[in-house]
């Protein structure tokens, strides 16, 4: 078991099963020592969506935070499939967090902190990253959060 997976176990978290892309794209692309991960939504548990809806309307900041953390686990599962061993991560470089929210909602950074804090808890300094957190009027399948990331690997 990798150090990263051991850390997830200590946090009472585990990687979900991989989900298949819902369109004509790749879940990741490797070039040189970078891995570009496509946007992911909240992880599916027992085949059912955990969160659906819009922040500022049907979901709270806390629910959005948890959804963003689930997206982080989903991204890590895809990253593991791309590089085999999560201990190869040198740095989480850049993250784009998109939040399905009402025009009045302005807490997108707090929502995406669910992802960012997970990366820091799991990878320490290697998990700290540059980030954008934006609000959008809608996301595919009414998911509350979509996140994409760029990772440097050894």
N, C-alpha and C. Protein backbone atom coordinates (compact mmCIF):
# COMPACT_ATOMS: atom_id res chain seq x y z
N UNK A 1 0.85 -1.18 0.00
CA UNK A 1 0.00 0.00 0.00
C UNK A 1 0.89 1.24 0.00
N UNK A 2 0.58 2.20 -0.87
CA UNK A 2 1.38 3.42 -0.97
C UNK A 2 1.19 4.29 0.27
N UNK A 3 2.12 5.22 0.49
CA UNK A 3 2.00 6.15 1.61
C UNK A 3 0.72 6.98 1.49
N UNK A 4 0.40 7.37 0.26
CA UNK A 4 -0.80 8.17 0.04
C UNK A 4 -2.04 7.36 0.40
N UNK A 5 -2.12 6.12 -0.04
CA UNK A 5 -3.28 5.30 0.29
C UNK A 5 -3.34 5.00 1.79
N UNK A 6 -2.19 4.87 2.44
CA UNK A 6 -2.16 4.69 3.89
C UNK A 6 -2.71 5.94 4.58
N UNK A 7 -2.35 7.11 4.08
CA UNK A 7 -2.85 8.37 4.64
C UNK A 7 -4.37 8.46 4.46
N UNK A 8 -4.87 8.07 3.29
CA UNK A 8 -6.31 8.06 3.07
C UNK A 8 -7.01 7.13 4.07
N UNK A 9 -6.40 5.98 4.31
CA UNK A 9 -6.97 5.02 5.26
C UNK A 9 -7.03 5.64 6.66
N UNK A 10 -5.97 6.36 7.05
CA UNK A 10 -5.95 7.03 8.35
C UNK A 10 -7.06 8.08 8.44
N UNK A 11 -7.41 8.68 7.31
CA UNK A 11 -8.48 9.69 7.26
C UNK A 11 -9.86 9.06 7.07
N UNK A 12 -9.92 7.71 7.14
CA UNK A 12 -11.16 6.95 6.93
C UNK A 12 -11.77 7.23 5.56
N UNK A 13 -10.91 7.31 4.55
CA UNK A 13 -11.35 7.51 3.18
C UNK A 13 -10.73 6.44 2.30
N UNK A 14 -11.41 6.15 1.20
CA UNK A 14 -10.83 5.23 0.23
C UNK A 14 -11.17 5.72 -1.16
N UNK A 15 -10.38 5.29 -2.11
CA UNK A 15 -10.61 5.69 -3.49
C UNK A 15 -11.82 4.96 -4.05
N UNK A 16 -12.70 5.69 -4.73
CA UNK A 16 -13.85 5.03 -5.35
C UNK A 16 -13.44 4.29 -6.61
N UNK A 17 -14.34 3.48 -7.12
CA UNK A 17 -14.10 2.83 -8.41
C UNK A 17 -14.13 3.89 -9.49
N UNK A 18 -13.37 3.65 -10.55
CA UNK A 18 -13.31 4.60 -11.65
C UNK A 18 -14.66 4.71 -12.35
N UNK A 19 -14.97 5.92 -12.78
CA UNK A 19 -16.15 6.12 -13.61
C UNK A 19 -15.68 6.36 -15.03
N UNK A 20 -16.52 6.01 -15.98
CA UNK A 20 -16.17 6.19 -17.38
C UNK A 20 -16.54 7.60 -17.83
N UNK A 21 -15.77 8.17 -18.75
CA UNK A 21 -16.13 9.49 -19.29
C UNK A 21 -17.54 9.46 -19.88
N UNK A 22 -18.23 10.59 -19.75
CA UNK A 22 -19.60 10.67 -20.27
C UNK A 22 -19.65 11.37 -21.62
N UNK A 23 -18.49 11.51 -22.26
CA UNK A 23 -18.43 12.16 -23.57
C UNK A 23 -17.22 11.66 -24.34
N UNK A 24 -16.92 12.33 -25.42
CA UNK A 24 -15.82 11.95 -26.30
C UNK A 24 -14.54 12.66 -25.87
N UNK A 25 -13.99 12.25 -24.74
CA UNK A 25 -12.76 12.82 -24.22
C UNK A 25 -12.04 11.77 -23.38
N UNK A 26 -10.79 12.06 -23.04
CA UNK A 26 -10.00 11.18 -22.19
C UNK A 26 -10.09 11.66 -20.74
N UNK A 27 -10.06 10.76 -19.78
CA UNK A 27 -10.10 11.18 -18.38
C UNK A 27 -8.81 11.87 -17.94
N UNK A 28 -7.71 11.59 -18.66
CA UNK A 28 -6.43 12.24 -18.37
C UNK A 28 -5.55 12.18 -19.61
N UNK A 29 -4.57 13.08 -19.64
CA UNK A 29 -3.54 13.05 -20.67
C UNK A 29 -2.21 13.27 -19.96
N UNK A 30 -1.24 12.40 -20.25
CA UNK A 30 0.11 12.57 -19.72
C UNK A 30 0.99 13.15 -20.81
N UNK A 31 1.80 14.14 -20.45
CA UNK A 31 2.81 14.68 -21.35
C UNK A 31 4.00 15.08 -20.50
N UNK A 32 5.15 14.53 -20.82
CA UNK A 32 6.33 14.78 -20.00
C UNK A 32 6.06 14.32 -18.58
N UNK A 33 6.35 15.20 -17.62
CA UNK A 33 6.12 14.84 -16.22
C UNK A 33 4.83 15.47 -15.68
N UNK A 34 3.90 15.82 -16.58
CA UNK A 34 2.62 16.40 -16.16
C UNK A 34 1.47 15.47 -16.54
N UNK A 35 0.46 15.44 -15.66
CA UNK A 35 -0.78 14.74 -15.94
C UNK A 35 -1.90 15.77 -15.84
N UNK A 36 -2.66 15.91 -16.92
CA UNK A 36 -3.80 16.81 -16.98
C UNK A 36 -5.05 15.95 -16.80
N UNK A 37 -5.79 16.19 -15.73
CA UNK A 37 -7.00 15.41 -15.46
C UNK A 37 -8.23 16.23 -15.86
N UNK A 38 -9.09 15.60 -16.65
CA UNK A 38 -10.34 16.23 -17.08
C UNK A 38 -11.22 16.52 -15.88
N UNK A 39 -12.20 17.38 -16.09
CA UNK A 39 -13.14 17.70 -15.02
C UNK A 39 -13.86 16.46 -14.52
N UNK A 40 -13.95 16.34 -13.21
CA UNK A 40 -14.63 15.23 -12.55
C UNK A 40 -15.73 15.80 -11.66
N UNK A 41 -16.78 15.01 -11.48
CA UNK A 41 -17.84 15.37 -10.56
C UNK A 41 -17.73 14.56 -9.28
N UNK A 42 -18.72 14.71 -8.38
CA UNK A 42 -18.68 13.95 -7.12
C UNK A 42 -18.64 12.46 -7.37
N UNK A 43 -17.89 11.78 -6.52
CA UNK A 43 -17.75 10.32 -6.63
C UNK A 43 -19.10 9.65 -6.45
N UNK A 44 -19.27 8.53 -7.12
CA UNK A 44 -20.47 7.74 -6.98
C UNK A 44 -20.23 6.66 -5.94
N UNK A 45 -21.15 6.52 -5.03
CA UNK A 45 -21.06 5.47 -4.02
C UNK A 45 -22.27 4.57 -4.23
N UNK A 46 -22.03 3.29 -4.34
CA UNK A 46 -23.06 2.29 -4.65
C UNK A 46 -23.84 2.67 -5.90
N UNK A 47 -23.17 3.31 -6.84
CA UNK A 47 -23.79 3.61 -8.12
C UNK A 47 -24.75 4.79 -8.13
N UNK A 48 -24.91 5.47 -7.00
CA UNK A 48 -25.84 6.59 -6.94
C UNK A 48 -25.10 7.89 -6.69
N UNK A 49 -25.63 8.97 -7.29
CA UNK A 49 -25.04 10.29 -7.07
C UNK A 49 -25.22 10.68 -5.60
N UNK A 50 -24.17 11.21 -5.01
CA UNK A 50 -24.26 11.65 -3.63
C UNK A 50 -24.85 13.04 -3.51
N UNK A 51 -24.51 13.90 -4.45
CA UNK A 51 -25.00 15.28 -4.41
C UNK A 51 -25.45 15.70 -5.78
N UNK A 52 -26.54 16.43 -5.81
CA UNK A 52 -27.06 17.00 -7.04
C UNK A 52 -27.70 18.33 -6.67
N UNK A 53 -27.55 19.31 -7.54
CA UNK A 53 -28.22 20.57 -7.29
C UNK A 53 -27.30 21.76 -7.31
N UNK A 54 -27.85 22.87 -6.88
CA UNK A 54 -27.20 24.17 -7.01
C UNK A 54 -26.91 24.76 -5.63
N UNK A 55 -25.69 25.26 -5.45
CA UNK A 55 -25.32 25.96 -4.23
C UNK A 55 -26.06 27.29 -4.19
N UNK A 56 -26.57 27.64 -3.01
CA UNK A 56 -27.35 28.85 -2.87
C UNK A 56 -28.83 28.61 -3.13
N UNK A 57 -29.17 27.38 -3.48
CA UNK A 57 -30.57 27.05 -3.75
C UNK A 57 -30.94 25.78 -2.99
N UNK A 58 -30.44 24.63 -3.43
CA UNK A 58 -30.82 23.36 -2.80
C UNK A 58 -29.70 22.75 -1.95
N UNK A 59 -28.49 23.31 -2.03
CA UNK A 59 -27.36 22.76 -1.26
C UNK A 59 -26.70 23.83 -0.41
N UNK A 60 -26.21 23.42 0.75
CA UNK A 60 -25.49 24.32 1.65
C UNK A 60 -24.00 24.34 1.30
N UNK A 61 -23.29 25.30 1.86
CA UNK A 61 -21.84 25.37 1.68
C UNK A 61 -21.20 24.08 2.19
N UNK A 62 -21.68 23.56 3.31
CA UNK A 62 -21.12 22.34 3.88
C UNK A 62 -21.33 21.14 2.95
N UNK A 63 -22.49 21.06 2.33
CA UNK A 63 -22.73 19.97 1.38
C UNK A 63 -21.85 20.14 0.14
N UNK A 64 -21.67 21.37 -0.31
CA UNK A 64 -20.77 21.63 -1.44
C UNK A 64 -19.34 21.27 -1.11
N UNK A 65 -18.90 21.58 0.12
CA UNK A 65 -17.56 21.25 0.59
C UNK A 65 -17.36 19.73 0.53
N UNK A 66 -18.34 18.99 1.04
CA UNK A 66 -18.25 17.53 1.03
C UNK A 66 -18.24 16.99 -0.40
N UNK A 67 -19.06 17.59 -1.27
CA UNK A 67 -19.08 17.17 -2.68
C UNK A 67 -17.71 17.40 -3.31
N UNK A 68 -17.07 18.53 -3.01
CA UNK A 68 -15.74 18.82 -3.56
C UNK A 68 -14.71 17.82 -3.04
N UNK A 69 -14.84 17.40 -1.81
CA UNK A 69 -13.94 16.38 -1.26
C UNK A 69 -14.13 15.06 -2.00
N UNK A 70 -15.39 14.70 -2.29
CA UNK A 70 -15.66 13.49 -3.05
C UNK A 70 -15.08 13.58 -4.46
N UNK A 71 -15.16 14.77 -5.07
CA UNK A 71 -14.53 14.96 -6.38
C UNK A 71 -13.03 14.71 -6.27
N UNK A 72 -12.41 15.17 -5.19
CA UNK A 72 -10.98 14.94 -4.99
C UNK A 72 -10.64 13.46 -4.95
N UNK A 73 -11.45 12.67 -4.27
CA UNK A 73 -11.21 11.22 -4.23
C UNK A 73 -11.36 10.62 -5.62
N UNK A 74 -12.35 11.09 -6.37
CA UNK A 74 -12.56 10.59 -7.73
C UNK A 74 -11.36 10.93 -8.61
N UNK A 75 -10.86 12.16 -8.49
CA UNK A 75 -9.67 12.55 -9.26
C UNK A 75 -8.45 11.71 -8.88
N UNK A 76 -8.29 11.43 -7.59
CA UNK A 76 -7.16 10.60 -7.16
C UNK A 76 -7.27 9.18 -7.70
N UNK A 77 -8.48 8.65 -7.80
CA UNK A 77 -8.67 7.31 -8.38
C UNK A 77 -8.24 7.32 -9.85
N UNK A 78 -8.62 8.36 -10.58
CA UNK A 78 -8.21 8.46 -11.99
C UNK A 78 -6.71 8.65 -12.09
N UNK A 79 -6.14 9.49 -11.23
CA UNK A 79 -4.70 9.71 -11.24
C UNK A 79 -3.95 8.41 -10.97
N UNK A 80 -4.45 7.62 -10.02
CA UNK A 80 -3.80 6.33 -9.73
C UNK A 80 -3.83 5.44 -10.97
N UNK A 81 -4.93 5.45 -11.71
CA UNK A 81 -4.99 4.63 -12.92
C UNK A 81 -4.00 5.13 -13.97
N UNK A 82 -3.69 6.41 -13.94
CA UNK A 82 -2.77 7.00 -14.91
C UNK A 82 -1.31 6.73 -14.57
N UNK A 83 -0.97 6.72 -13.27
CA UNK A 83 0.45 6.64 -12.88
C UNK A 83 0.77 5.43 -12.00
N UNK A 84 -0.21 4.60 -11.69
CA UNK A 84 -0.07 3.36 -10.92
C UNK A 84 0.18 3.57 -9.43
N UNK A 85 1.01 4.52 -9.06
CA UNK A 85 1.40 4.71 -7.67
C UNK A 85 1.30 6.20 -7.32
N UNK A 86 0.38 6.53 -6.41
CA UNK A 86 0.18 7.94 -6.04
C UNK A 86 1.38 8.55 -5.32
N UNK A 87 2.31 7.70 -4.87
CA UNK A 87 3.54 8.23 -4.26
C UNK A 87 4.43 8.90 -5.30
N UNK A 88 4.11 8.75 -6.58
CA UNK A 88 4.88 9.42 -7.64
C UNK A 88 4.54 10.91 -7.78
N UNK A 89 3.52 11.36 -7.08
CA UNK A 89 3.12 12.77 -7.17
C UNK A 89 4.21 13.65 -6.58
N UNK A 90 4.72 14.58 -7.40
CA UNK A 90 5.66 15.60 -6.92
C UNK A 90 4.93 16.83 -6.43
N UNK A 91 3.83 17.19 -7.14
CA UNK A 91 3.14 18.43 -6.81
C UNK A 91 1.76 18.44 -7.47
N UNK A 92 0.75 18.83 -6.71
CA UNK A 92 -0.53 19.21 -7.30
C UNK A 92 -0.30 20.66 -7.75
N UNK A 93 -0.29 20.89 -9.05
CA UNK A 93 0.16 22.18 -9.60
C UNK A 93 -0.97 23.20 -9.68
N UNK A 94 -2.04 22.86 -10.38
CA UNK A 94 -3.11 23.83 -10.66
C UNK A 94 -4.46 23.13 -10.65
N UNK A 95 -5.44 23.83 -10.09
CA UNK A 95 -6.78 23.29 -9.96
C UNK A 95 -7.79 24.33 -10.45
N UNK A 96 -8.78 23.87 -11.19
CA UNK A 96 -9.92 24.71 -11.55
C UNK A 96 -11.15 24.08 -10.92
N UNK A 97 -11.76 24.80 -9.98
CA UNK A 97 -12.97 24.34 -9.31
C UNK A 97 -14.18 25.11 -9.81
N UNK A 98 -15.16 24.39 -10.31
CA UNK A 98 -16.38 24.99 -10.85
C UNK A 98 -17.56 24.60 -9.97
N UNK A 99 -18.32 25.60 -9.56
CA UNK A 99 -19.42 25.38 -8.63
C UNK A 99 -20.73 25.78 -9.30
N UNK A 100 -21.66 24.86 -9.34
CA UNK A 100 -23.01 25.10 -9.85
C UNK A 100 -23.72 25.95 -8.80
N UNK A 101 -23.95 27.23 -9.10
CA UNK A 101 -24.48 28.12 -8.07
C UNK A 101 -25.40 29.19 -8.63
N UNK A 102 -26.21 29.72 -7.74
CA UNK A 102 -27.11 30.82 -8.10
C UNK A 102 -26.27 32.08 -8.33
N UNK A 103 -26.83 33.07 -9.04
CA UNK A 103 -26.07 34.31 -9.27
C UNK A 103 -25.68 35.02 -7.97
N UNK A 104 -26.47 34.86 -6.92
CA UNK A 104 -26.19 35.54 -5.66
C UNK A 104 -25.14 34.82 -4.81
N UNK A 105 -24.92 33.56 -5.06
CA UNK A 105 -24.00 32.76 -4.25
C UNK A 105 -22.57 33.22 -4.50
N UNK A 106 -21.82 33.49 -3.42
CA UNK A 106 -20.44 33.97 -3.59
C UNK A 106 -19.44 33.23 -2.70
N UNK A 107 -19.77 32.01 -2.33
CA UNK A 107 -18.91 31.23 -1.44
C UNK A 107 -18.18 30.09 -2.16
N UNK A 108 -17.95 30.25 -3.46
CA UNK A 108 -17.28 29.20 -4.23
C UNK A 108 -15.94 28.78 -3.62
N UNK A 109 -15.10 29.73 -3.15
CA UNK A 109 -13.83 29.30 -2.54
C UNK A 109 -14.03 28.38 -1.34
N UNK A 110 -15.04 28.63 -0.52
CA UNK A 110 -15.30 27.77 0.64
C UNK A 110 -15.70 26.37 0.20
N UNK A 111 -16.45 26.27 -0.88
CA UNK A 111 -16.86 24.97 -1.40
C UNK A 111 -15.63 24.20 -1.89
N UNK A 112 -14.80 24.83 -2.71
CA UNK A 112 -13.64 24.16 -3.30
C UNK A 112 -12.57 23.85 -2.24
N UNK A 113 -12.64 24.50 -1.07
CA UNK A 113 -11.74 24.14 0.02
C UNK A 113 -11.88 22.67 0.41
N UNK A 114 -13.05 22.07 0.17
CA UNK A 114 -13.20 20.64 0.45
C UNK A 114 -12.19 19.82 -0.31
N UNK A 115 -11.95 20.19 -1.56
CA UNK A 115 -10.93 19.54 -2.38
C UNK A 115 -9.53 19.92 -1.91
N UNK A 116 -9.28 21.22 -1.80
CA UNK A 116 -7.93 21.72 -1.49
C UNK A 116 -7.42 21.19 -0.16
N UNK A 117 -8.28 21.18 0.85
CA UNK A 117 -7.86 20.69 2.16
C UNK A 117 -7.59 19.19 2.12
N UNK A 118 -8.34 18.44 1.32
CA UNK A 118 -8.06 17.01 1.16
C UNK A 118 -6.67 16.81 0.56
N UNK A 119 -6.34 17.56 -0.49
CA UNK A 119 -5.03 17.40 -1.14
C UNK A 119 -3.90 17.72 -0.16
N UNK A 120 -4.07 18.75 0.65
CA UNK A 120 -3.04 19.11 1.63
C UNK A 120 -2.95 18.06 2.73
N UNK A 121 -4.10 17.54 3.17
CA UNK A 121 -4.08 16.49 4.20
C UNK A 121 -3.40 15.22 3.71
N UNK A 122 -3.59 14.91 2.44
CA UNK A 122 -3.05 13.66 1.88
C UNK A 122 -1.59 13.81 1.46
N UNK A 123 -1.26 14.92 0.80
CA UNK A 123 0.08 15.08 0.22
C UNK A 123 0.98 16.06 0.98
N UNK A 124 0.48 16.72 2.00
CA UNK A 124 1.28 17.73 2.71
C UNK A 124 1.61 18.89 1.78
N UNK A 125 2.84 19.37 1.82
CA UNK A 125 3.27 20.50 0.99
C UNK A 125 3.08 20.23 -0.50
N UNK A 126 3.23 18.98 -0.91
CA UNK A 126 3.05 18.63 -2.33
C UNK A 126 1.61 18.84 -2.79
N UNK A 127 0.69 18.89 -1.84
CA UNK A 127 -0.72 19.05 -2.16
C UNK A 127 -1.17 20.49 -2.29
N UNK A 128 -0.34 21.43 -1.86
CA UNK A 128 -0.70 22.85 -1.98
C UNK A 128 -0.58 23.27 -3.44
N UNK A 129 -1.56 24.01 -3.94
CA UNK A 129 -1.65 24.25 -5.37
C UNK A 129 -2.18 25.65 -5.68
N UNK A 130 -1.95 26.08 -6.91
CA UNK A 130 -2.61 27.27 -7.44
C UNK A 130 -4.04 26.85 -7.78
N UNK A 131 -4.99 27.83 -7.67
CA UNK A 131 -6.38 27.41 -7.82
C UNK A 131 -7.26 28.56 -8.28
N UNK A 132 -8.26 28.21 -9.04
CA UNK A 132 -9.36 29.11 -9.37
C UNK A 132 -10.64 28.43 -8.89
N UNK A 133 -11.55 29.23 -8.33
CA UNK A 133 -12.85 28.72 -7.89
C UNK A 133 -13.90 29.65 -8.48
N UNK A 134 -14.71 29.13 -9.40
CA UNK A 134 -15.66 29.97 -10.11
C UNK A 134 -17.07 29.41 -9.98
N UNK A 135 -18.05 30.31 -10.10
CA UNK A 135 -19.45 29.91 -10.10
C UNK A 135 -19.98 29.85 -11.52
N UNK A 136 -20.75 28.83 -11.81
CA UNK A 136 -21.38 28.67 -13.12
C UNK A 136 -22.88 28.48 -12.93
N UNK A 137 -23.65 28.86 -13.93
CA UNK A 137 -25.11 28.75 -13.80
C UNK A 137 -25.61 27.31 -13.89
N UNK A 138 -24.79 26.42 -14.43
CA UNK A 138 -25.19 25.02 -14.51
C UNK A 138 -23.96 24.16 -14.79
N UNK A 139 -24.01 22.93 -14.35
CA UNK A 139 -22.99 21.93 -14.64
C UNK A 139 -23.68 20.69 -15.18
N UNK A 140 -22.96 19.85 -15.92
CA UNK A 140 -23.58 18.65 -16.49
C UNK A 140 -24.29 17.80 -15.44
N UNK A 141 -25.45 17.27 -15.80
CA UNK A 141 -26.22 16.36 -14.96
C UNK A 141 -26.58 16.96 -13.60
N UNK A 142 -26.56 18.29 -13.52
CA UNK A 142 -26.91 19.02 -12.30
C UNK A 142 -25.99 18.70 -11.13
N UNK A 143 -24.72 18.32 -11.42
CA UNK A 143 -23.77 18.10 -10.33
C UNK A 143 -23.43 19.46 -9.71
N UNK A 144 -23.12 19.50 -8.41
CA UNK A 144 -22.84 20.77 -7.76
C UNK A 144 -21.41 21.27 -7.96
N UNK A 145 -20.49 20.36 -8.22
CA UNK A 145 -19.07 20.72 -8.30
C UNK A 145 -18.40 19.90 -9.39
N UNK A 146 -17.54 20.57 -10.17
CA UNK A 146 -16.67 19.89 -11.12
C UNK A 146 -15.28 20.47 -10.93
N UNK A 147 -14.28 19.59 -10.90
CA UNK A 147 -12.91 20.03 -10.68
C UNK A 147 -12.00 19.34 -11.68
N UNK A 148 -11.05 20.11 -12.22
CA UNK A 148 -9.99 19.55 -13.05
C UNK A 148 -8.67 19.94 -12.40
N UNK A 149 -7.62 19.15 -12.66
CA UNK A 149 -6.32 19.47 -12.05
C UNK A 149 -5.16 19.04 -12.94
N UNK A 150 -4.03 19.69 -12.66
CA UNK A 150 -2.76 19.39 -13.31
C UNK A 150 -1.80 18.94 -12.21
N UNK A 151 -1.14 17.80 -12.45
CA UNK A 151 -0.26 17.20 -11.45
C UNK A 151 1.11 16.95 -12.06
N UNK A 152 2.16 17.29 -11.32
CA UNK A 152 3.53 16.95 -11.71
C UNK A 152 3.90 15.63 -11.03
N UNK A 153 4.49 14.73 -11.82
CA UNK A 153 4.86 13.41 -11.28
C UNK A 153 6.35 13.15 -11.46
N UNK A 154 6.85 12.20 -10.66
CA UNK A 154 8.24 11.78 -10.75
C UNK A 154 8.41 10.82 -11.91
